[in-house]
N, C-alpha and C. Protein backbone atom coordinates (compact mmCIF):
# COMPACT_ATOMS: atom_id res chain seq x y z
N UNK A 1 1.04 -1.12 -0.07
CA UNK A 1 0.14 -0.13 -0.05
C UNK A 1 0.96 1.25 0.06
N UNK A 2 0.69 2.22 -0.60
CA UNK A 2 1.22 3.31 -0.90
C UNK A 2 0.81 4.49 0.17
N UNK A 3 1.80 5.44 0.81
CA UNK A 3 1.33 6.66 1.65
C UNK A 3 1.03 7.74 0.69
N UNK A 4 1.24 7.45 -0.71
CA UNK A 4 0.60 8.52 -1.43
C UNK A 4 -1.04 8.60 -1.66
N UNK A 5 -1.56 9.72 -1.60
CA UNK A 5 -3.15 9.61 -1.37
C UNK A 5 -4.13 9.57 -2.64
N UNK A 6 -4.53 9.10 -3.03
CA UNK A 6 -5.43 8.90 -4.34
C UNK A 6 -5.98 10.35 -4.96
N UNK A 7 -5.01 10.61 -5.49
CA UNK A 7 -5.60 12.27 -5.73
C UNK A 7 -6.42 12.37 -7.34
N UNK A 8 -6.95 11.39 -7.84
CA UNK A 8 -7.87 11.74 -8.86
C UNK A 8 -9.54 11.34 -8.45
N UNK A 9 -10.35 12.32 -8.50
CA UNK A 9 -11.63 12.34 -7.87
C UNK A 9 -12.36 12.98 -8.88
N UNK A 10 -13.78 12.91 -8.70
CA UNK A 10 -14.80 13.27 -9.54
C UNK A 10 -15.75 13.83 -8.68
N UNK A 11 -16.45 15.00 -8.77
CA UNK A 11 -16.83 16.31 -7.73
C UNK A 11 -18.14 16.52 -8.77
N UNK A 12 -19.55 16.30 -8.15
CA UNK A 12 -20.68 16.70 -9.09
C UNK A 12 -20.66 16.51 -10.12
N UNK A 13 -20.08 15.10 -10.86
CA UNK A 13 -19.74 14.65 -12.12
C UNK A 13 -18.61 15.36 -13.02
N UNK A 14 -17.73 16.12 -11.99
CA UNK A 14 -16.55 16.48 -13.30
C UNK A 14 -15.28 15.89 -12.33
N UNK A 15 -14.53 15.58 -13.68
CA UNK A 15 -13.59 14.86 -13.00
C UNK A 15 -12.59 15.95 -12.59
N UNK A 16 -11.44 15.43 -11.54
CA UNK A 16 -10.64 16.75 -11.00
C UNK A 16 -9.42 15.52 -10.91
N UNK A 17 -8.26 16.03 -11.70
CA UNK A 17 -7.06 15.50 -12.01
C UNK A 17 -5.89 16.35 -11.00
N UNK A 18 -5.70 16.22 -9.64
CA UNK A 18 -4.73 16.90 -8.76
C UNK A 18 -3.47 16.75 -9.22
N UNK A 19 -3.09 17.63 -9.81
CA UNK A 19 -1.33 17.75 -10.18
C UNK A 19 -0.66 18.05 -8.93
N UNK A 20 0.11 17.26 -8.33
CA UNK A 20 0.86 17.34 -6.83
C UNK A 20 2.40 17.45 -7.00
N UNK A 21 2.79 17.44 -8.77
CA UNK A 21 4.30 17.77 -8.85
C UNK A 21 5.03 18.91 -8.42
N UNK A 22 4.25 19.88 -7.86
CA UNK A 22 5.14 21.23 -7.14
C UNK A 22 4.83 21.50 -5.94
N UNK A 23 3.88 20.40 -5.10
CA UNK A 23 3.43 20.52 -3.97
C UNK A 23 4.42 20.33 -2.89
N UNK A 24 4.53 21.34 -1.53
CA UNK A 24 5.38 21.64 -0.69
C UNK A 24 4.81 20.97 0.84
N UNK A 25 5.33 20.08 1.40
CA UNK A 25 4.74 19.84 2.76
C UNK A 25 4.97 20.86 3.89
N UNK A 26 4.18 20.95 5.05
CA UNK A 26 4.17 21.62 5.96
C UNK A 26 4.25 20.97 6.93
N UNK A 27 4.68 20.79 8.10
CA UNK A 27 4.12 20.60 9.66
C UNK A 27 3.70 21.16 10.13
N UNK A 28 2.45 21.15 10.82
CA UNK A 28 1.68 22.09 11.60
C UNK A 28 0.95 21.43 12.93
N UNK A 29 1.29 21.60 14.37
CA UNK A 29 0.84 21.05 15.23
C UNK A 29 -0.34 21.99 16.03
N UNK A 30 -0.40 22.82 15.39
CA UNK A 30 -1.35 23.90 15.71
C UNK A 30 -1.92 24.83 14.54
N UNK A 31 -3.73 25.19 14.63
CA UNK A 31 -3.76 26.20 13.58
C UNK A 31 -5.10 26.86 14.02
N UNK A 32 -5.43 27.81 13.45
CA UNK A 32 -7.14 28.70 13.73
C UNK A 32 -7.55 28.73 12.57
N UNK A 33 -8.79 29.71 12.53
CA UNK A 33 -9.05 30.00 11.56
C UNK A 33 -10.01 31.52 12.22
N UNK A 34 -10.04 32.60 10.74
CA UNK A 34 -10.99 33.63 11.13
C UNK A 34 -11.53 34.27 9.82
N UNK A 35 -12.06 34.87 10.04
CA UNK A 35 -12.74 35.16 8.83
C UNK A 35 -13.64 36.75 8.79
N UNK A 36 -13.79 37.41 7.50
CA UNK A 36 -14.07 38.67 7.20
C UNK A 36 -15.01 38.37 6.41
N UNK A 37 -16.03 39.14 5.80
CA UNK A 37 -17.56 38.92 4.96
C UNK A 37 -16.70 38.19 3.46
N UNK A 38 -16.01 38.67 3.38
CA UNK A 38 -14.86 37.70 1.72
C UNK A 38 -14.23 36.93 1.80
N UNK A 39 -13.62 36.47 2.95
CA UNK A 39 -12.38 35.41 3.18
C UNK A 39 -12.61 34.85 4.47
N UNK A 40 -11.85 33.77 4.32
CA UNK A 40 -11.68 32.77 5.62
C UNK A 40 -10.02 33.02 5.49
N UNK A 41 -9.21 32.96 6.79
CA UNK A 41 -8.24 32.73 6.83
C UNK A 41 -7.69 31.75 7.73
N UNK A 42 -7.13 30.51 7.41
CA UNK A 42 -6.60 29.52 7.75
C UNK A 42 -4.86 30.14 8.13
N UNK A 43 -4.69 30.08 9.76
CA UNK A 43 -3.27 30.41 10.03
C UNK A 43 -2.79 28.69 10.69
N UNK A 44 -1.45 28.59 10.20
CA UNK A 44 -1.25 27.13 10.78
C UNK A 44 0.52 27.52 11.09
N UNK A 45 0.85 26.90 12.22
CA UNK A 45 2.22 27.13 12.66
C UNK A 45 2.52 26.09 14.11
N UNK A 46 3.62 26.16 14.96
CA UNK A 46 4.35 25.23 15.52
C UNK A 46 4.30 25.98 17.13
N UNK A 47 4.01 25.08 18.11
CA UNK A 47 4.13 25.75 19.16
C UNK A 47 4.66 24.46 20.22
N UNK A 48 5.67 24.70 20.75
CA UNK A 48 6.90 24.22 21.45
C UNK A 48 6.93 23.72 23.32
N UNK A 49 5.39 23.43 23.44
CA UNK A 49 4.97 23.32 25.05
C UNK A 49 5.67 22.63 25.89
N UNK A 50 6.14 21.54 24.92
CA UNK A 50 7.21 20.35 25.87
C UNK A 50 8.27 20.98 26.41
N UNK A 51 8.73 22.02 26.27
CA UNK A 51 9.81 22.39 26.66
C UNK A 51 9.70 23.46 28.03
N UNK A 52 10.65 23.46 28.45
CA UNK A 52 10.33 24.49 29.93
C UNK A 52 9.67 23.51 31.28
N UNK A 53 9.22 24.17 32.14
CA UNK A 53 8.41 23.44 33.33
C UNK A 53 7.11 24.13 33.33
N UNK A 54 5.86 23.66 34.09
CA UNK A 54 4.77 24.18 34.08
C UNK A 54 5.04 25.77 34.18
N UNK A 55 5.65 26.11 35.16
CA UNK A 55 5.75 27.76 35.42
C UNK A 55 5.73 28.35 33.87
N UNK A 56 6.63 27.79 33.30
CA UNK A 56 6.98 28.36 31.99
C UNK A 56 5.79 28.31 31.18
N UNK A 57 5.38 27.18 31.25
CA UNK A 57 4.06 27.06 29.86
C UNK A 57 3.00 27.69 30.57
N UNK A 58 2.78 28.88 31.38
CA UNK A 58 1.70 29.67 31.35
C UNK A 58 0.93 30.09 30.24
N UNK A 59 1.99 30.72 29.24
CA UNK A 59 1.76 31.07 28.02
C UNK A 59 2.30 30.91 26.80
N UNK A 60 1.73 30.44 25.62
CA UNK A 60 2.00 29.47 24.99
C UNK A 60 2.22 30.44 23.77
N UNK A 61 3.66 29.85 23.11
CA UNK A 61 3.85 31.00 21.99
C UNK A 61 4.10 29.84 20.72
N UNK A 62 3.50 30.52 19.84
CA UNK A 62 3.25 29.64 18.15
C UNK A 62 3.74 30.73 17.57
N UNK A 63 4.68 29.81 16.57
CA UNK A 63 5.28 30.36 15.40
C UNK A 63 4.53 30.17 14.24
N UNK A 64 3.56 31.21 13.85
CA UNK A 64 2.98 31.13 12.65
C UNK A 64 3.83 31.10 11.19
N UNK A 65 3.46 29.85 10.57
CA UNK A 65 4.26 30.13 9.06
C UNK A 65 3.44 30.30 7.79
N UNK A 66 2.29 29.53 7.88
CA UNK A 66 1.50 29.79 6.75
C UNK A 66 -0.17 30.35 6.71
N UNK A 67 -0.47 31.11 5.83
CA UNK A 67 -1.94 31.14 5.84
C UNK A 67 -2.38 31.18 4.42
N UNK A 68 -3.26 30.22 4.81
CA UNK A 68 -4.13 29.93 3.61
C UNK A 68 -5.66 30.79 3.53
N UNK A 69 -5.86 31.59 2.42
CA UNK A 69 -7.13 32.22 2.09
C UNK A 69 -7.73 31.60 1.31
N UNK A 70 -9.19 31.76 1.70
CA UNK A 70 -9.83 31.01 0.67
C UNK A 70 -11.38 31.58 0.48
N UNK A 71 -11.90 31.62 -0.15
CA UNK A 71 -13.46 32.36 -0.57
C UNK A 71 -14.39 31.36 0.54
N UNK A 72 -15.39 31.96 1.28
CA UNK A 72 -16.65 31.45 2.02
C UNK A 72 -16.79 30.14 1.35
N UNK A 73 -17.14 29.98 -0.11
CA UNK A 73 -17.67 28.67 -0.81
C UNK A 73 -16.51 27.55 -0.60
N UNK A 74 -15.45 27.87 -1.08
CA UNK A 74 -14.56 26.90 -1.15
C UNK A 74 -13.96 26.66 0.78
N UNK A 75 -13.96 27.18 1.55
CA UNK A 75 -13.62 27.16 2.92
C UNK A 75 -14.77 26.38 3.44
N UNK A 76 -16.45 26.07 3.10
CA UNK A 76 -17.43 25.17 2.99
C UNK A 76 -16.98 24.18 2.19
N UNK A 77 -16.67 24.20 1.53
CA UNK A 77 -16.10 22.59 0.56
C UNK A 77 -15.18 22.01 1.71
N UNK A 78 -14.03 22.47 2.10
CA UNK A 78 -12.90 22.06 2.86
C UNK A 78 -13.41 21.81 3.96
N UNK A 79 -14.41 22.38 4.52
CA UNK A 79 -14.90 21.55 6.07
C UNK A 79 -15.62 20.72 5.56
N UNK A 80 -16.34 20.15 4.48
CA UNK A 80 -17.18 18.95 4.64
C UNK A 80 -16.37 18.22 4.38
N UNK A 81 -15.31 18.16 3.38
CA UNK A 81 -14.42 17.48 3.11
C UNK A 81 -13.67 16.44 4.04
N UNK A 82 -12.96 17.68 5.23
CA UNK A 82 -12.30 17.56 6.13
C UNK A 82 -12.96 16.37 7.33
N UNK A 83 -14.20 16.99 7.39
CA UNK A 83 -15.85 16.52 7.97
C UNK A 83 -15.85 15.13 7.87
N UNK A 84 -15.43 14.59 6.79
CA UNK A 84 -15.79 13.38 6.11
C UNK A 84 -14.48 12.08 6.17
N UNK A 85 -13.06 12.90 5.57
CA UNK A 85 -12.01 12.71 6.07
C UNK A 85 -11.90 12.13 7.56
N UNK A 86 -12.09 12.59 8.84
CA UNK A 86 -12.25 12.54 10.05
C UNK A 86 -12.80 11.45 10.23
N UNK A 87 -14.18 11.33 9.89
CA UNK A 87 -15.10 10.18 10.27
C UNK A 87 -14.44 9.00 9.55
N UNK A 88 -13.72 8.92 8.34
CA UNK A 88 -13.28 7.68 7.66
C UNK A 88 -12.24 7.45 8.43
N UNK A 89 -11.20 8.40 8.75
CA UNK A 89 -10.05 7.91 9.87
C UNK A 89 -10.79 7.30 11.04
N UNK A 90 -12.04 7.71 11.83
CA UNK A 90 -12.28 7.34 13.22
C UNK A 90 -13.03 6.00 13.07
N UNK A 91 -13.21 5.89 11.76
CA UNK A 91 -14.13 4.13 11.29
C UNK A 91 -12.74 3.13 11.61
N UNK A 92 -11.74 3.61 10.72
CA UNK A 92 -10.72 3.00 10.45
C UNK A 92 -9.72 2.73 11.87
N UNK A 93 -9.56 3.98 12.62
CA UNK A 93 -8.70 3.73 13.62
C UNK A 93 -9.41 3.96 14.88
N UNK A 94 -10.46 4.38 15.15
CA UNK A 94 -11.08 4.69 16.50
C UNK A 94 -10.95 6.29 16.58
N UNK A 95 -12.14 6.57 17.81
CA UNK A 95 -12.12 8.14 18.03
C UNK A 95 -11.24 8.87 18.13
N UNK A 96 -11.06 10.15 17.87
CA UNK A 96 -9.79 11.38 18.05
C UNK A 96 -10.38 11.79 19.25
N UNK A 97 -9.97 11.66 20.59
CA UNK A 97 -9.95 12.38 21.63
C UNK A 97 -9.69 14.11 21.33
N UNK A 98 -10.31 14.69 21.63
CA UNK A 98 -9.89 16.17 21.86
C UNK A 98 -8.99 16.73 22.70
């Protein structure tokens, strides 16, 4: 079994061939979202709260590295596919605890 995801899909009868030849990968262990009337902003970054002791970790410092800006329509489609992907993951591997 390959680690490469299946990137050929059909949506509403339209075949989509995803070209991932120029794709870059990014690791993020934290993310947030905000929006205005026209756009959604997805912010991704990393935190290192395992460093120091409990007193040092009263404030969490996050280094943001990437921002994805999407239309409300694209953001809603992403939310739907992410929900479906999480449901499939939990069916195979068990519930993800918050």
